[in-house]
Amino acid sequence: RVSSKQGGATVGAVALATQAPCTVAAPFFALADGVDASGRLLVLPAVGWPGPTAGAAGGELATCPAPVLLADVESSVQLVDEVALVYCGPGADERCVDMTLAAVAEAAAPGSVVCGVPPRLLAEPASRWEEGCALLVMPGGADKPIKAALGPGGEERVRRFVVERGGKYLGFCAGAYFACESISFDPDGPLAVVEARELGFFPGEGRGPWLPGFQYASPIGAWAAVLEADTARLGLPAGDGAVTA
């Protein structure tokens, strides 16, 4: 949590992608990304909170924003205990990332922080993202680019986060396949992925697609599914148990 010691409305920062000065609304939330050669803090602003905009305070954040350099020496940094991290990088569909960020933020407890995290930070040996991570979310997209982007080191970090530290992992679509022991996706078709996976949180095979028409980066193959559910246990109104999702 970054705020201004002077209680002002903005904190000075430099957007590294453009090297342009900018301001951010104070306070705002960010994930530590490292330090520069002068020891100044680099951060990734948390998605859903006011973030860097050229010459103005606040504004919309892009999916998985680029790091910014905190340049205001009158800024102070306070630690936030728990953060929900949403993977955003190769393999993650942009629409899925946006919807996942919004859904996790809506479901999170008041005051919780939801932040997009790139694969390099999950794999970087010097990063300590596990220490403050309450939940790691892997959104939909394509499993193989996610695996490639994380690399063996990143995959092992994620596995140890869950198995050894007791961390929580939530996978949607490709993120759920990625967490299986093996995948059999479109085995006889042009999108075939029949491979073992390292995480193995589900000790079995992830199979799909179940319905025809699936296409990557397109909603054409999306279907409304009718699920049979115990509505009483879910706290839903009494009915015939059919839930459309």
Protein backbone atom coordinates (compact mmCIF):
# COMPACT_ATOMS: atom_id res chain seq x y z
CA ARG A 1 0.00 0.00 0.00
CA VAL A 2 1.65 3.21 -1.16
CA SER A 3 0.62 6.55 0.27
CA SER A 4 1.98 10.06 0.53
CA LYS A 5 3.61 11.19 3.77
CA GLN A 6 2.32 14.67 3.03
CA GLY A 7 -1.25 13.41 2.64
CA GLY A 8 -1.44 14.73 -0.89
CA ALA A 9 -3.62 13.41 -3.68
CA THR A 10 -0.81 11.99 -5.79
CA VAL A 11 2.43 10.05 -5.59
CA GLY A 12 5.16 10.73 -8.14
CA ALA A 13 6.08 7.84 -10.41
CA VAL A 14 7.74 7.09 -13.73
CA ALA A 15 6.12 4.70 -16.19
CA LEU A 16 9.02 2.50 -17.28
CA ALA A 17 7.46 1.54 -20.60
CA THR A 18 7.43 5.14 -21.83
CA GLN A 19 9.89 6.78 -19.41
CA ALA A 20 7.23 9.45 -18.96
CA PRO A 21 6.49 11.05 -15.58
CA CYS A 22 3.04 10.31 -14.26
CA THR A 23 1.06 10.54 -11.06
CA VAL A 24 -0.98 8.02 -9.17
CA ALA A 25 -3.86 8.53 -6.80
CA ALA A 26 -2.79 8.03 -3.20
CA PRO A 27 -3.14 5.65 -1.60
CA PHE A 28 -2.93 2.87 -4.15
CA PHE A 29 -2.01 -0.81 -3.95
CA ALA A 30 0.86 -2.49 -5.77
CA LEU A 31 2.90 -5.67 -5.92
CA ALA A 32 6.63 -5.20 -5.31
CA ASP A 33 8.57 -6.00 -8.49
CA GLY A 34 12.15 -5.20 -7.45
CA VAL A 35 14.46 -2.22 -7.16
CA ASP A 36 16.40 -0.19 -9.71
CA ALA A 37 20.15 0.53 -9.67
CA SER A 38 19.58 3.39 -7.22
CA GLY A 39 17.61 1.24 -4.82
CA ARG A 40 14.26 2.79 -5.69
CA LEU A 41 11.18 0.58 -5.58
CA LEU A 42 9.60 -0.84 -8.73
CA VAL A 43 5.98 -1.89 -8.37
CA LEU A 44 3.13 -3.43 -10.36
CA PRO A 45 -0.05 -1.49 -9.55
CA ALA A 46 -2.89 -3.72 -8.43
CA VAL A 47 -5.64 -4.11 -10.98
CA GLY A 48 -8.88 -2.46 -9.96
CA TRP A 49 -7.26 0.39 -8.04
CA PRO A 50 -6.40 3.85 -9.37
CA GLY A 51 -3.17 3.58 -11.28
CA PRO A 52 -0.66 5.46 -13.45
CA THR A 53 -1.96 7.83 -16.07
CA ALA A 54 0.03 10.44 -17.94
CA GLY A 55 -0.26 13.77 -16.18
CA ALA A 56 -3.36 12.93 -14.15
CA ALA A 57 -4.34 11.16 -10.97
CA GLY A 58 -6.18 7.87 -11.23
CA GLY A 59 -7.49 6.12 -14.30
CA GLU A 60 -8.03 2.70 -15.77
CA LEU A 61 -5.31 0.09 -15.56
CA ALA A 62 -4.38 -2.12 -18.47
CA THR A 63 -4.41 -5.87 -17.95
CA CYS A 64 -1.26 -6.80 -16.04
CA PRO A 65 0.20 -3.27 -15.99
CA ALA A 66 3.85 -2.60 -16.62
CA PRO A 67 6.05 -1.79 -13.61
CA VAL A 68 6.31 1.80 -12.44
CA LEU A 69 9.13 3.42 -10.50
CA LEU A 70 8.18 5.25 -7.36
CA ALA A 71 10.06 8.53 -7.68
CA ASP A 72 8.54 10.54 -4.84
CA VAL A 73 10.83 10.41 -1.79
CA GLU A 74 7.91 11.60 0.31
CA SER A 75 6.05 8.37 -0.33
CA SER A 76 5.69 5.65 2.25
CA VAL A 77 5.08 1.94 1.76
CA GLN A 78 2.98 -0.21 4.06
CA LEU A 79 2.69 -3.98 3.76
CA VAL A 80 -0.64 -5.62 2.96
CA ASP A 81 -1.00 -9.06 4.52
CA GLU A 82 -2.84 -10.93 1.77
CA VAL A 83 -3.13 -10.49 -1.98
CA ALA A 84 -4.98 -12.50 -4.63
CA LEU A 85 -2.74 -12.89 -7.69
CA VAL A 86 -4.22 -13.47 -11.16
CA TYR A 87 -1.84 -14.78 -13.82
CA CYS A 88 -1.66 -12.55 -16.87
CA GLY A 89 0.80 -13.44 -19.57
CA PRO A 90 1.24 -15.76 -22.56
CA GLY A 91 -1.62 -18.24 -22.78
CA ALA A 92 -4.08 -16.16 -20.77
CA ASP A 93 -6.95 -14.86 -22.89
CA GLU A 94 -7.33 -11.12 -22.32
CA ARG A 95 -11.10 -11.30 -21.89
CA CYS A 96 -10.72 -14.18 -19.45
CA VAL A 97 -8.16 -12.20 -17.46
CA ASP A 98 -10.43 -9.16 -17.28
CA MET A 99 -13.45 -11.22 -16.19
CA THR A 100 -11.38 -13.19 -13.69
CA LEU A 101 -9.97 -10.04 -12.12
CA ALA A 102 -13.46 -8.58 -11.81
CA ALA A 103 -14.96 -11.79 -10.40
CA VAL A 104 -12.20 -12.30 -7.82
CA ALA A 105 -12.38 -8.66 -6.74
CA GLU A 106 -16.17 -8.92 -6.35
CA ALA A 107 -15.92 -12.11 -4.29
CA ALA A 108 -13.01 -10.99 -2.13
CA ALA A 109 -13.41 -9.67 1.38
CA PRO A 110 -13.62 -5.88 1.76
CA GLY A 111 -10.18 -4.30 1.63
CA SER A 112 -8.59 -7.26 -0.14
CA VAL A 113 -6.17 -6.57 -2.96
CA VAL A 114 -6.37 -8.29 -6.35
CA CYS A 115 -3.34 -7.93 -8.61
CA GLY A 116 -2.32 -9.24 -12.01
CA VAL A 117 1.01 -11.05 -11.96
CA PRO A 118 3.25 -11.83 -14.95
CA PRO A 119 4.94 -15.23 -15.30
CA ARG A 120 8.44 -13.80 -14.89
CA LEU A 121 7.58 -12.71 -11.36
CA LEU A 122 6.16 -16.13 -10.48
CA ALA A 123 9.36 -17.77 -11.74
CA GLU A 124 11.94 -15.22 -10.57
CA PRO A 125 14.05 -16.87 -7.82
CA ALA A 126 14.50 -13.57 -5.98
CA SER A 127 10.77 -12.83 -5.79
CA ARG A 128 8.85 -13.83 -2.69
CA TRP A 129 5.31 -13.68 -4.02
CA GLU A 130 4.26 -16.74 -2.00
CA GLU A 131 4.65 -14.93 1.32
CA GLY A 132 1.71 -12.59 0.87
CA CYS A 133 -0.37 -14.60 -1.60
CA ALA A 134 -3.74 -15.74 -0.30
CA LEU A 135 -4.86 -17.13 -3.67
CA LEU A 136 -3.22 -17.76 -7.05
CA VAL A 137 -5.71 -17.72 -9.92
CA MET A 138 -4.98 -19.14 -13.36
CA PRO A 139 -7.56 -17.90 -15.92
CA GLY A 140 -8.69 -19.42 -19.20
CA GLY A 141 -6.83 -19.36 -22.48
CA ALA A 142 -4.36 -21.96 -23.71
CA ASP A 143 -2.44 -24.28 -21.43
CA LYS A 144 0.75 -24.84 -23.47
CA PRO A 145 1.82 -21.16 -23.65
CA ILE A 146 1.20 -20.84 -19.89
CA LYS A 147 3.49 -23.82 -19.30
CA ALA A 148 6.15 -22.39 -21.61
CA ALA A 149 6.00 -18.92 -20.05
CA LEU A 150 6.40 -20.21 -16.50
CA GLY A 151 9.11 -22.71 -17.36
CA PRO A 152 10.15 -25.55 -15.05
CA GLY A 153 11.17 -23.11 -12.30
CA GLY A 154 7.85 -21.28 -12.30
CA GLU A 155 5.84 -24.49 -12.35
CA GLU A 156 7.81 -25.82 -9.40
CA ARG A 157 7.23 -22.58 -7.47
CA VAL A 158 3.48 -22.88 -8.04
CA ARG A 159 3.48 -26.55 -7.06
CA ARG A 160 5.42 -25.91 -3.85
CA PHE A 161 3.18 -22.95 -3.03
CA VAL A 162 0.22 -25.34 -2.83
CA VAL A 163 1.78 -28.62 -1.70
CA GLU A 164 4.34 -27.34 0.79
CA ARG A 165 2.96 -23.98 1.93
CA GLY A 166 -0.73 -24.88 1.85
CA GLY A 167 -1.51 -22.10 -0.63
CA LYS A 168 -4.74 -21.92 -2.62
CA TYR A 169 -4.91 -22.34 -6.39
CA LEU A 170 -7.99 -21.61 -8.52
CA GLY A 171 -7.95 -22.58 -12.17
CA PHE A 172 -10.50 -21.75 -14.85
CA CYS A 173 -10.57 -23.55 -18.20
CA ALA A 174 -6.90 -23.69 -19.31
CA GLY A 175 -5.89 -22.96 -15.72
CA ALA A 176 -7.80 -26.04 -14.58
CA TYR A 177 -6.30 -28.27 -17.29
CA PHE A 178 -2.87 -26.95 -16.30
CA ALA A 179 -3.42 -28.23 -12.75
CA CYS A 180 -4.28 -31.80 -13.81
CA GLU A 181 -1.91 -34.73 -13.79
CA SER A 182 -2.38 -35.08 -17.54
CA ILE A 183 -4.39 -33.55 -20.40
CA SER A 184 -6.30 -35.12 -23.26
CA PHE A 185 -7.71 -32.18 -25.21
CA ASP A 186 -9.13 -32.66 -28.72
CA PRO A 187 -6.99 -35.82 -29.01
CA ASP A 188 -7.99 -36.60 -32.61
CA GLY A 189 -8.41 -33.03 -33.80
CA PRO A 190 -6.33 -30.05 -34.92
CA LEU A 191 -6.06 -28.63 -31.38
CA ALA A 192 -4.72 -31.85 -29.88
CA VAL A 193 -2.87 -31.61 -26.56
CA VAL A 194 -2.17 -35.03 -25.04
CA GLU A 195 0.54 -34.53 -22.46
CA ALA A 196 1.49 -34.97 -18.82
CA ARG A 197 1.56 -31.95 -16.51
CA GLU A 198 3.75 -31.24 -13.51
CA LEU A 199 1.36 -29.64 -11.00
CA GLY A 200 -0.92 -32.65 -10.62
CA PHE A 201 -3.27 -30.98 -8.12
CA PHE A 202 -6.00 -33.11 -9.70
CA PRO A 203 -4.61 -36.67 -9.77
CA GLY A 204 -6.24 -37.55 -13.05
CA GLU A 205 -6.76 -36.58 -16.66
CA GLY A 206 -8.35 -33.34 -17.81
CA ARG A 207 -10.43 -34.12 -20.91
CA GLY A 208 -12.14 -31.86 -23.42
CA PRO A 209 -13.68 -30.18 -25.19
CA TRP A 210 -17.02 -31.81 -24.39
CA LEU A 211 -19.03 -29.76 -26.87
CA PRO A 212 -18.29 -29.02 -30.54
CA GLY A 213 -17.21 -25.73 -32.02
CA PHE A 214 -14.44 -24.68 -29.64
CA GLN A 215 -12.02 -22.12 -31.02
CA TYR A 216 -9.18 -20.39 -29.21
CA ALA A 217 -9.56 -16.61 -28.74
CA SER A 218 -13.19 -16.77 -29.82
CA PRO A 219 -16.57 -17.13 -28.07
CA ILE A 220 -18.03 -19.05 -31.02
CA GLY A 221 -17.77 -22.38 -29.22
CA ALA A 222 -19.25 -21.12 -25.94
CA TRP A 223 -22.33 -23.00 -24.71
CA ALA A 224 -24.70 -22.38 -21.82
CA ALA A 225 -24.51 -25.49 -19.65
CA VAL A 226 -27.28 -26.82 -17.42
CA LEU A 227 -25.82 -28.15 -14.18
CA GLU A 228 -27.51 -30.42 -11.69
CA ALA A 229 -26.90 -28.98 -8.24
CA ASP A 230 -28.11 -29.29 -4.66
CA THR A 231 -29.69 -25.83 -4.50
CA ALA A 232 -30.23 -26.03 -0.75
CA ARG A 233 -26.54 -26.55 -0.07
CA LEU A 234 -25.67 -23.71 -2.45
CA GLY A 235 -28.11 -21.37 -0.72
CA LEU A 236 -30.21 -20.94 -3.88
CA PRO A 237 -34.00 -20.76 -4.07
CA ALA A 238 -35.76 -24.13 -4.04
CA GLY A 239 -36.52 -25.53 -7.48
CA ASP A 240 -35.88 -28.49 -9.71
CA GLY A 241 -32.11 -28.37 -9.11
CA ALA A 242 -31.23 -27.11 -12.60
CA VAL A 243 -28.78 -24.25 -12.66
CA THR A 244 -27.67 -22.55 -15.89
CA ALA A 245 -24.06 -21.43 -15.92
